[in-house]
């Protein structure tokens, strides 16, 4: 593996970590927002949609960062 590949994997792992942290934070926000009285359902829906987008990005990055396991 070349140094460029190693740096690319390091960048991807850092991005993965950031996305996982943002997803966890957003999960907490969604939970708190859903429990609050007078919750704006449009805002809650947007938060949930962003959370799903993050999850999709995390799955894609994980498939790049983690090696394939033999069947």
Protein backbone atom coordinates (compact mmCIF):
# COMPACT_ATOMS: atom_id res chain seq x y z
CA UNK A 1 0.00 0.00 0.00
CA UNK A 2 1.39 3.40 -0.95
CA UNK A 3 1.66 6.42 1.33
CA UNK A 4 -1.11 8.11 -0.65
CA UNK A 5 -3.45 5.17 -0.02
CA UNK A 6 -2.61 5.27 3.68
CA UNK A 7 -3.30 9.01 3.85
CA UNK A 8 -6.57 8.54 1.98
CA UNK A 9 -7.64 5.85 4.44
CA UNK A 10 -6.65 8.09 7.36
CA UNK A 11 -8.73 10.94 5.91
CA UNK A 12 -11.66 8.58 5.43
CA UNK A 13 -11.38 7.32 8.99
CA UNK A 14 -11.30 10.88 10.30
CA UNK A 15 -14.35 11.75 8.21
CA UNK A 16 -16.08 8.60 9.44
CA UNK A 17 -15.39 9.60 13.03
CA UNK A 18 -16.78 13.10 12.43
CA UNK A 19 -19.91 11.73 10.79
CA UNK A 20 -20.46 9.23 13.62
CA UNK A 21 -20.12 12.03 16.18
CA UNK A 22 -22.53 14.25 14.27
CA UNK A 23 -24.98 11.34 13.95
CA UNK A 24 -24.84 10.66 17.70
CA UNK A 25 -25.35 14.34 18.48
CA UNK A 26 -28.26 14.55 16.07
CA UNK A 27 -29.78 11.41 17.59
CA UNK A 28 -29.75 13.13 20.99
CA UNK A 29 -31.29 16.29 19.50
CA UNK A 30 -34.06 14.30 17.80
CA UNK A 31 -34.86 12.50 21.05
CA UNK A 32 -34.97 15.72 23.07
CA UNK A 33 -36.93 17.56 20.40
CA UNK A 34 -39.48 14.75 20.11
CA UNK A 35 -40.06 14.80 23.88
CA UNK A 36 -40.55 18.57 24.03
CA UNK A 37 -44.10 19.84 24.08
CA UNK A 38 -45.20 21.87 21.09
CA UNK A 39 -42.69 20.20 18.81
CA UNK A 40 -42.65 21.52 15.25
CA UNK A 41 -43.11 18.35 13.22
CA UNK A 42 -41.52 19.93 10.13
CA UNK A 43 -38.30 20.64 12.05
CA UNK A 44 -38.36 17.16 13.59
CA UNK A 45 -38.81 15.64 10.14
CA UNK A 46 -35.82 17.60 8.81
CA UNK A 47 -33.66 16.48 11.72
CA UNK A 48 -34.61 12.86 11.12
CA UNK A 49 -33.92 13.17 7.39
CA UNK A 50 -30.45 14.62 8.10
CA UNK A 51 -29.82 11.78 10.54
CA UNK A 52 -30.68 9.23 7.82
CA UNK A 53 -28.41 11.02 5.33
CA UNK A 54 -25.57 10.81 7.84
CA UNK A 55 -26.23 7.11 8.42
CA UNK A 56 -26.07 6.45 4.67
CA UNK A 57 -22.78 8.36 4.41
CA UNK A 58 -21.39 6.40 7.37
CA UNK A 59 -22.30 3.07 5.75
CA UNK A 60 -20.65 4.11 2.46
CA UNK A 61 -17.47 5.25 4.22
CA UNK A 62 -17.29 2.12 6.35
CA UNK A 63 -17.38 0.00 3.22
CA UNK A 64 -14.35 1.94 1.92
CA UNK A 65 -12.40 2.01 5.19
CA UNK A 66 -12.98 -1.49 6.51
CA UNK A 67 -11.55 -4.34 4.49
CA UNK A 68 -13.90 -6.86 2.95
CA UNK A 69 -14.25 -10.01 4.99
CA UNK A 70 -13.81 -13.31 3.18
CA UNK A 71 -17.04 -15.27 2.73
